[in-house]
Amino acid sequence: MQVQRAARGTGVGSGIAFENGDGVTVAMQDAGEGEAGGTASDYGDTVSHIDTLYFVVTVYRNSTMHRMTVWDRPEPPARPVPLDRERIVAAAIALADEGGLETVSLRKVAARLDVGPMRLYGYISTKEELFDLMVDEAHAEILPEERPGDWREALRVLAHRTRQATLRHEWLADLLGGRPALGPNALAVTEATLAALDGLADLDTVMRAVETVSAYFTGAIRREIANLRAERATGLSKRDWQRASGPHVMRMLATGRFPALAKAVHDGTDVDAETSFAIGLDWVLDAVAAKLARPPV
């Protein structure tokens, strides 16, 4: 596991202002949110997969002390028991994989590492920072292993690798779709995605394209994970649930009040989650291709 791997890419933000190490405050804006105006305390929230972002050209001097992120702060010496953020994140991910985000706490992570809870605060200040690090480690799995051939393949690979990572780590579904992920691996994913579309259209069109694809696969992945959780919670597979619900559905359709739904139930083709995801993604990519091919007004 490499928590600090792939420290490349562009800076991103979502309606926030933050300071660099030179005392310069840079305002950044998520497309669609209007004026950038969040506070430094907003910066640590978790996170979206890749709600595309861009710098607002607003740079001004500010003498206020800057707030460091978890990636900016150096780790303390690993004494008396060897410890580092990599071990901490690995333990937290193992807990989350076993029981979801609700099972993750600094106390439980410390117990898993056989150290006192206070040792962790030298490396991580809050549970939210721990979630940030966990999400960035998941992005190391999402980052393409090789450069895709074209923009369409790049967005397809992004969507499928995000789905595969979330199926391995279901807790990731709970952290997709919020504020942008700012760790090195997440920034590298963003950079690789934007680079694949660079020069194909004006910047705003490229941003809307990536946002649209991201919105599709985020929603589809969350729906799939919700269904998997429902199966475990009820003990009923999809087929078992359909059989159990069948009598009620048939009675409702027999009233004649839902003719379009009745047609879908009786004549439609049921497909598995992977097939549904791939087909829907192709339709979204077709729509994006049409926009990219349209000459600028």
C-alpha atoms as a PDB file:
ATOM      1  CA  MET A   1       0.000   0.000   0.000  1.00  0.00           C
ATOM      2  CA  GLN A   2       1.329   3.426  -0.954  1.00  0.00           C
ATOM      3  CA  VAL A   3      -0.570   6.230   0.710  1.00  0.00           C
ATOM      4  CA  GLN A   4       1.674   8.935  -0.754  1.00  0.00           C
ATOM      5  CA  ARG A   5       2.091   7.410  -4.230  1.00  0.00           C
ATOM      6  CA  ALA A   6       1.502   9.366  -7.433  1.00  0.00           C
ATOM      7  CA  ALA A   7       1.849  12.847  -5.997  1.00  0.00           C
ATOM      8  CA  ARG A   8       1.171  14.536  -9.309  1.00  0.00           C
ATOM      9  CA  GLY A   9      -1.782  16.325 -10.849  1.00  0.00           C
ATOM     10  CA  THR A  10      -3.441  19.683 -10.595  1.00  0.00           C
ATOM     11  CA  GLY A  11      -4.891  21.422  -7.566  1.00  0.00           C
ATOM     12  CA  VAL A  12      -8.628  21.113  -7.220  1.00  0.00           C
ATOM     13  CA  GLY A  13     -11.297  22.445  -4.900  1.00  0.00           C
ATOM     14  CA  SER A  14     -15.015  22.850  -4.454  1.00  0.00           C
ATOM     15  CA  GLY A  15     -16.291  26.229  -3.382  1.00  0.00           C
ATOM     16  CA  ILE A  16     -13.383  26.672  -0.948  1.00  0.00           C
ATOM     17  CA  ALA A  17     -10.511  29.043  -0.325  1.00  0.00           C
ATOM     18  CA  PHE A  18      -7.187  27.826   0.981  1.00  0.00           C
ATOM     19  CA  GLU A  19      -3.692  29.153   1.450  1.00  0.00           C
ATOM     20  CA  ASN A  20      -0.473  27.822   0.027  1.00  0.00           C
ATOM     21  CA  GLY A  21       2.726  27.730   2.023  1.00  0.00           C
ATOM     22  CA  ASP A  22       3.692  31.239   0.952  1.00  0.00           C
ATOM     23  CA  GLY A  23       0.709  32.946   2.547  1.00  0.00           C
ATOM     24  CA  VAL A  24      -1.137  33.260  -0.767  1.00  0.00           C
ATOM     25  CA  THR A  25      -4.830  32.450  -0.636  1.00  0.00           C
ATOM     26  CA  VAL A  26      -6.170  30.754  -3.744  1.00  0.00           C
ATOM     27  CA  ALA A  27      -9.926  30.710  -4.330  1.00  0.00           C
ATOM     28  CA  MET A  28     -11.198  27.624  -6.118  1.00  0.00           C
ATOM     29  CA  GLN A  29     -14.623  26.770  -7.364  1.00  0.00           C
ATOM     30  CA  ASP A  30     -16.593  23.664  -8.177  1.00  0.00           C
ATOM     31  CA  ALA A  31     -18.407  24.053 -11.469  1.00  0.00           C
ATOM     32  CA  GLY A  32     -21.979  25.036 -10.763  1.00  0.00           C
ATOM     33  CA  GLU A  33     -21.571  26.449  -7.262  1.00  0.00           C
ATOM     34  CA  GLY A  34     -21.176  30.146  -8.051  1.00  0.00           C
ATOM     35  CA  GLU A  35     -18.683  32.226  -6.128  1.00  0.00           C
ATOM     36  CA  ALA A  36     -15.944  30.419  -4.250  1.00  0.00           C
ATOM     37  CA  GLY A  37     -16.541  31.148  -0.611  1.00  0.00           C
ATOM     38  CA  GLY A  38     -15.939  28.240   1.723  1.00  0.00           C
ATOM     39  CA  THR A  39     -13.695  28.504   4.762  1.00  0.00           C
ATOM     40  CA  ALA A  40     -10.500  26.668   5.588  1.00  0.00           C
ATOM     41  CA  SER A  41     -12.485  24.428   7.939  1.00  0.00           C
ATOM     42  CA  ASP A  42     -14.419  23.123   4.919  1.00  0.00           C
ATOM     43  CA  TYR A  43     -11.250  21.780   3.367  1.00  0.00           C
ATOM     44  CA  GLY A  44     -11.032  18.514   5.292  1.00  0.00           C
ATOM     45  CA  ASP A  45     -14.457  17.113   4.419  1.00  0.00           C
ATOM     46  CA  THR A  46     -14.793  13.899   2.428  1.00  0.00           C
ATOM     47  CA  VAL A  47     -15.076  13.653  -0.714  1.00  0.00           C
ATOM     48  CA  SER A  48     -16.095  13.048  -4.244  1.00  0.00           C
ATOM     49  CA  HIS A  49     -14.541  10.768  -6.697  1.00  0.00           C
ATOM     50  CA  ILE A  50     -13.960  13.370  -9.408  1.00  0.00           C
ATOM     51  CA  ASP A  51     -16.517  16.163  -9.495  1.00  0.00           C
ATOM     52  CA  THR A  52     -14.420  18.180 -11.914  1.00  0.00           C
ATOM     53  CA  LEU A  53     -13.031  21.461 -10.756  1.00  0.00           C
ATOM     54  CA  TYR A  54     -11.036  24.376 -11.919  1.00  0.00           C
ATOM     55  CA  PHE A  55      -9.150  27.302 -10.477  1.00  0.00           C
ATOM     56  CA  VAL A  56     -11.015  30.590 -10.319  1.00  0.00           C
ATOM     57  CA  VAL A  57      -8.492  33.258 -11.221  1.00  0.00           C
ATOM     58  CA  THR A  58      -8.575  34.872  -7.782  1.00  0.00           C
ATOM     59  CA  VAL A  59      -5.236  35.063  -6.021  1.00  0.00           C
ATOM     60  CA  TYR A  60      -4.635  37.589  -3.303  1.00  0.00           C
ATOM     61  CA  ARG A  61      -2.320  38.168  -0.379  1.00  0.00           C
ATOM     62  CA  ASN A  62      -3.432  37.082   3.071  1.00  0.00           C
ATOM     63  CA  SER A  63      -1.362  37.178   6.220  1.00  0.00           C
ATOM     64  CA  THR A  64      -3.484  34.638   8.139  1.00  0.00           C
ATOM     65  CA  MET A  65      -1.737  31.470   9.225  1.00  0.00           C
ATOM     66  CA  HIS A  66      -2.478  28.685   6.734  1.00  0.00           C
ATOM     67  CA  ARG A  67      -4.118  25.390   7.667  1.00  0.00           C
ATOM     68  CA  MET A  68      -2.160  22.294   6.696  1.00  0.00           C
ATOM     69  CA  THR A  69      -3.898  19.221   5.365  1.00  0.00           C
ATOM     70  CA  VAL A  70      -3.013  15.760   6.568  1.00  0.00           C
ATOM     71  CA  TRP A  71      -0.751  15.391   3.515  1.00  0.00           C
ATOM     72  CA  ASP A  72       1.153  18.579   4.387  1.00  0.00           C
ATOM     73  CA  ARG A  73       1.979  17.645   7.981  1.00  0.00           C
ATOM     74  CA  PRO A  74       5.121  15.570   8.551  1.00  0.00           C
ATOM     75  CA  GLU A  75       4.808  12.305  10.411  1.00  0.00           C
ATOM     76  CA  PRO A  76       6.361  12.094  13.905  1.00  0.00           C
ATOM     77  CA  PRO A  77       9.236   9.720  14.668  1.00  0.00           C
ATOM     78  CA  ALA A  78       8.037   6.090  14.799  1.00  0.00           C
ATOM     79  CA  ARG A  79       8.925   5.419  18.426  1.00  0.00           C
ATOM     80  CA  PRO A  80       8.656   3.481  20.665  1.00  0.00           C
ATOM     81  CA  VAL A  81       6.491   1.162  18.501  1.00  0.00           C
ATOM     82  CA  PRO A  82       6.981   1.468  14.706  1.00  0.00           C
ATOM     83  CA  LEU A  83       3.995   3.339  13.318  1.00  0.00           C
ATOM     84  CA  ASP A  84       3.188   5.428  10.258  1.00  0.00           C
ATOM     85  CA  ARG A  85       0.176   6.647   8.297  1.00  0.00           C
ATOM     86  CA  GLU A  86       0.461   3.737   5.896  1.00  0.00           C
ATOM     87  CA  ARG A  87      -0.079   1.220   8.712  1.00  0.00           C
ATOM     88  CA  ILE A  88      -2.857   3.328  10.197  1.00  0.00           C
ATOM     89  CA  VAL A  89      -4.717   3.599   6.880  1.00  0.00           C
ATOM     90  CA  ALA A  90      -4.289  -0.127   6.184  1.00  0.00           C
ATOM     91  CA  ALA A  91      -5.805  -0.961   9.573  1.00  0.00           C
ATOM     92  CA  ALA A  92      -8.698   1.472   9.038  1.00  0.00           C
ATOM     93  CA  ILE A  93      -9.465   0.052   5.589  1.00  0.00           C
ATOM     94  CA  ALA A  94      -9.431  -3.484   6.987  1.00  0.00           C
ATOM     95  CA  LEU A  95     -11.954  -2.446   9.645  1.00  0.00           C
ATOM     96  CA  ALA A  96     -14.165  -0.685   7.081  1.00  0.00           C
ATOM     97  CA  ASP A  97     -14.005  -3.652   4.683  1.00  0.00           C
ATOM     98  CA  GLU A  98     -15.194  -5.906   7.499  1.00  0.00           C
ATOM     99  CA  GLY A  99     -17.954  -3.774   8.960  1.00  0.00           C
ATOM    100  CA  GLY A 100     -18.406  -0.463   7.129  1.00  0.00           C
ATOM    101  CA  LEU A 101     -17.415   3.079   8.057  1.00  0.00           C
ATOM    102  CA  GLU A 102     -19.404   2.932  11.283  1.00  0.00           C
ATOM    103  CA  THR A 103     -16.870   0.432  12.649  1.00  0.00           C
ATOM    104  CA  VAL A 104     -13.939   2.786  12.070  1.00  0.00           C
ATOM    105  CA  SER A 105     -12.747   4.900  14.983  1.00  0.00           C
ATOM    106  CA  LEU A 106      -9.310   5.999  16.085  1.00  0.00           C
ATOM    107  CA  ARG A 107      -9.709   3.853  19.201  1.00  0.00           C
ATOM    108  CA  LYS A 108     -10.471   0.717  17.185  1.00  0.00           C
ATOM    109  CA  VAL A 109      -7.681   1.410  14.722  1.00  0.00           C
ATOM    110  CA  ALA A 110      -5.257   1.862  17.613  1.00  0.00           C
ATOM    111  CA  ALA A 111      -6.403  -1.411  19.167  1.00  0.00           C
ATOM    112  CA  ARG A 112      -5.868  -3.215  15.864  1.00  0.00           C
ATOM    113  CA  LEU A 113      -2.317  -1.831  15.737  1.00  0.00           C
ATOM    114  CA  ASP A 114      -1.727  -2.619  19.415  1.00  0.00           C
ATOM    115  CA  VAL A 115      -0.881   0.978  20.319  1.00  0.00           C
ATOM    116  CA  GLY A 116      -2.511   3.566  22.545  1.00  0.00           C
ATOM    117  CA  PRO A 117      -5.138   5.791  20.879  1.00  0.00           C
ATOM    118  CA  MET A 118      -3.144   8.937  21.660  1.00  0.00           C
ATOM    119  CA  ARG A 119      -0.300   7.669  19.455  1.00  0.00           C
ATOM    120  CA  LEU A 120      -2.523   8.099  16.408  1.00  0.00           C
ATOM    121  CA  TYR A 121      -3.067  11.807  17.002  1.00  0.00           C
ATOM    122  CA  GLY A 122       0.525  12.474  16.049  1.00  0.00           C
ATOM    123  CA  TYR A 123      -0.345  11.241  12.574  1.00  0.00           C
ATOM    124  CA  ILE A 124      -4.053  12.035  12.172  1.00  0.00           C
ATOM    125  CA  SER A 125      -6.039  14.772  13.910  1.00  0.00           C
ATOM    126  CA  THR A 126      -9.615  13.634  13.230  1.00  0.00           C
ATOM    127  CA  LYS A 127     -11.604  10.720  11.902  1.00  0.00           C
ATOM    128  CA  GLU A 128     -12.435  12.845   8.864  1.00  0.00           C
ATOM    129  CA  GLU A 129      -8.723  13.038   8.048  1.00  0.00           C
ATOM    130  CA  LEU A 130      -8.543   9.268   8.352  1.00  0.00           C
ATOM    131  CA  PHE A 131     -11.428   8.963   5.867  1.00  0.00           C
ATOM    132  CA  ASP A 132      -9.566  11.331   3.523  1.00  0.00           C
ATOM    133  CA  LEU A 133      -6.525   9.061   3.614  1.00  0.00           C
ATOM    134  CA  MET A 134      -8.654   5.951   3.099  1.00  0.00           C
ATOM    135  CA  VAL A 135     -10.335   7.475   0.058  1.00  0.00           C
ATOM    136  CA  ASP A 136      -6.995   8.479  -1.396  1.00  0.00           C
ATOM    137  CA  GLU A 137      -5.700   4.945  -0.956  1.00  0.00           C
ATOM    138  CA  ALA A 138      -8.773   3.704  -2.856  1.00  0.00           C
ATOM    139  CA  HIS A 139      -7.899   6.124  -5.645  1.00  0.00           C
ATOM    140  CA  ALA A 140      -4.559   4.340  -5.978  1.00  0.00           C
ATOM    141  CA  GLU A 141      -6.647   1.358  -7.142  1.00  0.00           C
ATOM    142  CA  ILE A 142      -8.694   3.563  -9.496  1.00  0.00           C
ATOM    143  CA  LEU A 143      -5.688   5.204 -11.149  1.00  0.00           C
ATOM    144  CA  PRO A 144      -5.221   3.624 -14.620  1.00  0.00           C
ATOM    145  CA  GLU A 145      -2.241   1.321 -14.913  1.00  0.00           C
ATOM    146  CA  GLU A 146      -1.483   2.628 -18.401  1.00  0.00           C
ATOM    147  CA  ARG A 147      -2.581   5.607 -20.443  1.00  0.00           C
ATOM    148  CA  PRO A 148      -5.882   4.926 -22.267  1.00  0.00           C
ATOM    149  CA  GLY A 149      -5.956   5.269 -26.033  1.00  0.00           C
ATOM    150  CA  ASP A 150      -8.503   8.092 -26.229  1.00  0.00           C
ATOM    151  CA  TRP A 151     -10.881  10.189 -24.150  1.00  0.00           C
ATOM    152  CA  ARG A 152     -13.748   7.710 -24.399  1.00  0.00           C
ATOM    153  CA  GLU A 153     -11.595   4.841 -23.193  1.00  0.00           C
ATOM    154  CA  ALA A 154     -10.227   7.059 -20.406  1.00  0.00           C
ATOM    155  CA  LEU A 155     -13.709   7.828 -19.071  1.00  0.00           C
ATOM    156  CA  ARG A 156     -14.816   4.216 -19.491  1.00  0.00           C
ATOM    157  CA  VAL A 157     -11.780   2.959 -17.576  1.00  0.00           C
ATOM    158  CA  LEU A 158     -12.368   5.555 -14.850  1.00  0.00           C
ATOM    159  CA  ALA A 159     -15.975   4.437 -14.423  1.00  0.00           C
ATOM    160  CA  HIS A 160     -15.237   0.704 -14.391  1.00  0.00           C
ATOM    161  CA  ARG A 161     -12.215   0.995 -12.096  1.00  0.00           C
ATOM    162  CA  THR A 162     -14.238   3.136  -9.680  1.00  0.00           C
ATOM    163  CA  ARG A 163     -16.970   0.480  -9.675  1.00  0.00           C
ATOM    164  CA  GLN A 164     -14.468  -2.330  -9.137  1.00  0.00           C
ATOM    165  CA  ALA A 165     -12.754  -0.475  -6.280  1.00  0.00           C
ATOM    166  CA  THR A 166     -16.115   0.194  -4.625  1.00  0.00           C
ATOM    167  CA  LEU A 167     -17.172  -3.455  -4.904  1.00  0.00           C
ATOM    168  CA  ARG A 168     -13.946  -4.344  -3.087  1.00  0.00           C
ATOM    169  CA  HIS A 169     -14.462  -1.539  -0.532  1.00  0.00           C
ATOM    170  CA  GLU A 170     -18.209  -0.956  -0.175  1.00  0.00           C
ATOM    171  CA  TRP A 171     -17.642   1.886   2.287  1.00  0.00           C
ATOM    172  CA  LEU A 172     -16.280   3.944  -0.609  1.00  0.00           C
ATOM    173  CA  ALA A 173     -19.843   4.311  -1.924  1.00  0.00           C
ATOM    174  CA  ASP A 174     -20.657   6.383   1.170  1.00  0.00           C
ATOM    175  CA  LEU A 175     -17.851   8.833   0.357  1.00  0.00           C
ATOM    176  CA  LEU A 176     -18.429   9.279  -3.367  1.00  0.00           C
ATOM    177  CA  GLY A 177     -20.193  12.322  -4.734  1.00  0.00           C
ATOM    178  CA  GLY A 178     -19.394  14.930  -2.094  1.00  0.00           C
ATOM    179  CA  ARG A 179     -16.498  17.338  -1.995  1.00  0.00           C
ATOM    180  CA  PRO A 180     -13.494  16.632  -4.172  1.00  0.00           C
ATOM    181  CA  ALA A 181     -10.760  14.291  -3.007  1.00  0.00           C
ATOM    182  CA  LEU A 182      -7.500  16.209  -2.577  1.00  0.00           C
ATOM    183  CA  GLY A 183      -4.955  13.482  -1.875  1.00  0.00           C
ATOM    184  CA  PRO A 184      -2.095  12.734  -4.293  1.00  0.00           C
ATOM    185  CA  ASN A 185      -3.706   9.650  -5.814  1.00  0.00           C
ATOM    186  CA  ALA A 186      -7.059  11.386  -6.276  1.00  0.00           C
ATOM    187  CA  LEU A 187      -5.357  14.350  -7.925  1.00  0.00           C
ATOM    188  CA  ALA A 188      -3.496  11.955 -10.218  1.00  0.00           C
ATOM    189  CA  VAL A 189      -6.818  10.372 -11.251  1.00  0.00           C
ATOM    190  CA  THR A 190      -8.221  13.829 -11.981  1.00  0.00           C
ATOM    191  CA  GLU A 191      -5.121  14.800 -13.945  1.00  0.00           C
ATOM    192  CA  ALA A 192      -5.202  11.626 -16.062  1.00  0.00           C
ATOM    193  CA  THR A 193      -8.880  12.145 -16.819  1.00  0.00           C
ATOM    194  CA  LEU A 194      -8.597  15.805 -17.802  1.00  0.00           C
ATOM    195  CA  ALA A 195      -5.450  15.160 -19.825  1.00  0.00           C
ATOM    196  CA  ALA A 196      -7.354  12.624 -21.940  1.00  0.00           C
ATOM    197  CA  LEU A 197      -9.830  15.337 -22.979  1.00  0.00           C
ATOM    198  CA  ASP A 198      -7.366  18.180 -23.262  1.00  0.00           C
ATOM    199  CA  GLY A 199      -7.817  20.141 -26.499  1.00  0.00           C
ATOM    200  CA  LEU A 200     -10.986  18.336 -27.619  1.00  0.00           C
ATOM    201  CA  ALA A 201     -13.256  21.255 -26.710  1.00  0.00           C
ATOM    202  CA  ASP A 202     -13.271  24.409 -24.638  1.00  0.00           C
ATOM    203  CA  LEU A 203     -12.486  23.901 -20.957  1.00  0.00           C
ATOM    204  CA  ASP A 204     -16.067  24.384 -19.726  1.00  0.00           C
ATOM    205  CA  THR A 205     -17.346  21.717 -22.142  1.00  0.00           C
ATOM    206  CA  VAL A 206     -14.655  19.314 -20.953  1.00  0.00           C
ATOM    207  CA  MET A 207     -15.625  19.978 -17.336  1.00  0.00           C
ATOM    208  CA  ARG A 208     -19.303  19.337 -18.013  1.00  0.00           C
ATOM    209  CA  ALA A 209     -18.402  16.124 -19.853  1.00  0.00           C
ATOM    210  CA  VAL A 210     -16.413  14.721 -16.936  1.00  0.00           C
ATOM    211  CA  GLU A 211     -19.056  15.836 -14.423  1.00  0.00           C
ATOM    212  CA  THR A 212     -21.787  14.117 -16.442  1.00  0.00           C
ATOM    213  CA  VAL A 213     -19.959  10.801 -16.632  1.00  0.00           C
ATOM    214  CA  SER A 214     -18.996  11.051 -12.949  1.00  0.00           C
ATOM    215  CA  ALA A 215     -22.605  11.723 -11.944  1.00  0.00           C
ATOM    216  CA  TYR A 216     -23.738   8.656 -13.883  1.00  0.00           C
ATOM    217  CA  PHE A 217     -21.295   6.154 -12.464  1.00  0.00           C
ATOM    218  CA  THR A 218     -21.512   7.534  -8.922  1.00  0.00           C
ATOM    219  CA  GLY A 219     -25.277   7.059  -8.905  1.00  0.00           C
ATOM    220  CA  ALA A 220     -25.113   3.642 -10.550  1.00  0.00           C
ATOM    221  CA  ILE A 221     -22.472   2.413  -8.112  1.00  0.00           C
ATOM    222  CA  ARG A 222     -24.400   3.664  -5.091  1.00  0.00           C
ATOM    223  CA  ARG A 223     -27.544   1.916  -6.320  1.00  0.00           C
ATOM    224  CA  GLU A 224     -25.658  -1.341  -6.804  1.00  0.00           C
ATOM    225  CA  ILE A 225     -24.098  -1.169  -3.345  1.00  0.00           C
ATOM    226  CA  ALA A 226     -27.493  -0.339  -1.803  1.00  0.00           C
ATOM    227  CA  ASN A 227     -28.938  -3.471  -3.396  1.00  0.00           C
ATOM    228  CA  LEU A 228     -26.071  -5.612  -2.103  1.00  0.00           C
ATOM    229  CA  ARG A 229     -26.589  -4.242   1.401  1.00  0.00           C
ATOM    230  CA  ALA A 230     -30.317  -4.888   1.174  1.00  0.00           C
ATOM    231  CA  GLU A 231     -29.636  -8.516   0.240  1.00  0.00           C
ATOM    232  CA  ARG A 232     -27.478  -8.969   3.330  1.00  0.00           C
ATOM    233  CA  ALA A 233     -29.861  -7.100   5.630  1.00  0.00           C
ATOM    234  CA  THR A 234     -32.951  -9.061   4.530  1.00  0.00           C
ATOM    235  CA  GLY A 235     -31.342 -12.377   3.683  1.00  0.00           C
ATOM    236  CA  LEU A 236     -33.172 -12.255   0.342  1.00  0.00           C
ATOM    237  CA  SER A 237     -31.414 -12.333  -3.012  1.00  0.00           C
ATOM    238  CA  LYS A 238     -32.782 -10.217  -5.839  1.00  0.00           C
ATOM    239  CA  ARG A 239     -34.736 -13.217  -7.178  1.00  0.00           C
ATOM    240  CA  ASP A 240     -36.046 -14.117  -3.731  1.00  0.00           C
ATOM    241  CA  TRP A 241     -37.189 -10.534  -3.172  1.00  0.00           C
ATOM    242  CA  GLN A 242     -38.927 -10.478  -6.561  1.00  0.00           C
ATOM    243  CA  ARG A 243     -40.765 -13.706  -5.741  1.00  0.00           C
ATOM    244  CA  ALA A 244     -41.791 -12.416  -2.316  1.00  0.00           C
ATOM    245  CA  SER A 245     -42.995  -9.102  -3.756  1.00  0.00           C
ATOM    246  CA  GLY A 246     -44.604 -10.645  -6.846  1.00  0.00           C
ATOM    247  CA  PRO A 247     -48.160 -11.112  -5.520  1.00  0.00           C
ATOM    248  CA  HIS A 248     -48.405  -7.470  -4.419  1.00  0.00           C
ATOM    249  CA  VAL A 249     -46.983  -6.175  -7.703  1.00  0.00           C
ATOM    250  CA  MET A 250     -49.349  -8.361  -9.762  1.00  0.00           C
ATOM    251  CA  ARG A 251     -52.372  -7.139  -7.793  1.00  0.00           C
ATOM    252  CA  MET A 252     -51.371  -3.520  -8.365  1.00  0.00           C
ATOM    253  CA  LEU A 253     -50.766  -4.042 -12.086  1.00  0.00           C
ATOM    254  CA  ALA A 254     -54.121  -5.819 -12.428  1.00  0.00           C
ATOM    255  CA  THR A 255     -55.903  -2.594 -11.469  1.00  0.00           C
ATOM    256  CA  GLY A 256     -55.013  -1.151 -14.880  1.00  0.00           C
ATOM    257  CA  ARG A 257     -53.626   2.024 -13.304  1.00  0.00           C
ATOM    258  CA  PHE A 258     -50.028   1.320 -14.371  1.00  0.00           C
ATOM    259  CA  PRO A 259     -50.066   0.211 -18.041  1.00  0.00           C
ATOM    260  CA  ALA A 260     -46.517   1.368 -18.874  1.00  0.00           C
ATOM    261  CA  LEU A 261     -45.134  -0.324 -15.775  1.00  0.00           C
ATOM    262  CA  ALA A 262     -47.087  -3.499 -16.556  1.00  0.00           C
ATOM    263  CA  LYS A 263     -45.525  -3.607 -20.011  1.00  0.00           C
ATOM    264  CA  ALA A 264     -42.045  -3.190 -18.531  1.00  0.00           C
ATOM    265  CA  VAL A 265     -42.624  -5.941 -15.956  1.00  0.00           C
ATOM    266  CA  HIS A 266     -44.067  -8.445 -18.423  1.00  0.00           C
ATOM    267  CA  ASP A 267     -42.010  -7.705 -21.543  1.00  0.00           C
ATOM    268  CA  GLY A 268     -38.794  -6.102 -20.327  1.00  0.00           C
ATOM    269  CA  THR A 269     -35.431  -7.883 -20.135  1.00  0.00           C
ATOM    270  CA  ASP A 270     -33.834  -8.163 -16.728  1.00  0.00           C
ATOM    271  CA  VAL A 271     -30.040  -7.718 -16.823  1.00  0.00           C
ATOM    272  CA  ASP A 272     -27.399  -8.016 -14.150  1.00  0.00           C
ATOM    273  CA  ALA A 273     -25.764  -5.005 -12.499  1.00  0.00           C
ATOM    274  CA  GLU A 274     -22.555  -5.179 -14.548  1.00  0.00           C
ATOM    275  CA  THR A 275     -24.412  -5.277 -17.873  1.00  0.00           C
ATOM    276  CA  SER A 276     -26.719  -2.453 -16.818  1.00  0.00           C
ATOM    277  CA  PHE A 277     -23.724  -0.359 -15.747  1.00  0.00           C
ATOM    278  CA  ALA A 278     -21.872  -0.897 -19.028  1.00  0.00           C
ATOM    279  CA  ILE A 279     -24.886  -0.158 -21.240  1.00  0.00           C
ATOM    280  CA  GLY A 280     -25.794   3.003 -19.349  1.00  0.00           C
ATOM    281  CA  LEU A 281     -22.188   4.171 -19.456  1.00  0.00           C
ATOM    282  CA  ASP A 282     -22.035   3.714 -23.238  1.00  0.00           C
ATOM    283  CA  TRP A 283     -25.204   5.778 -23.650  1.00  0.00           C
ATOM    284  CA  VAL A 284     -23.743   8.585 -21.539  1.00  0.00           C
ATOM    285  CA  LEU A 285     -20.477   8.458 -23.492  1.00  0.00           C
ATOM    286  CA  ASP A 286     -22.444   8.643 -26.751  1.00  0.00           C
ATOM    287  CA  ALA A 287     -24.105  11.818 -25.504  1.00  0.00           C
ATOM    288  CA  VAL A 288     -20.754  13.279 -24.469  1.00  0.00           C
ATOM    289  CA  ALA A 289     -19.283  12.415 -27.889  1.00  0.00           C
ATOM    290  CA  ALA A 290     -22.102  14.309 -29.584  1.00  0.00           C
ATOM    291  CA  LYS A 291     -21.360  17.391 -27.490  1.00  0.00           C
ATOM    292  CA  LEU A 292     -17.637  17.197 -28.129  1.00  0.00           C
ATOM    293  CA  ALA A 293     -18.228  16.890 -31.882  1.00  0.00           C
ATOM    294  CA  ARG A 294     -20.480  19.939 -31.985  1.00  0.00           C
ATOM    295  CA  PRO A 295     -18.637  23.036 -33.248  1.00  0.00           C
ATOM    296  CA  PRO A 296     -18.372  25.915 -30.750  1.00  0.00           C
ATOM    297  CA  VAL A 297     -21.069  28.582 -31.023  1.00  0.00           C
END
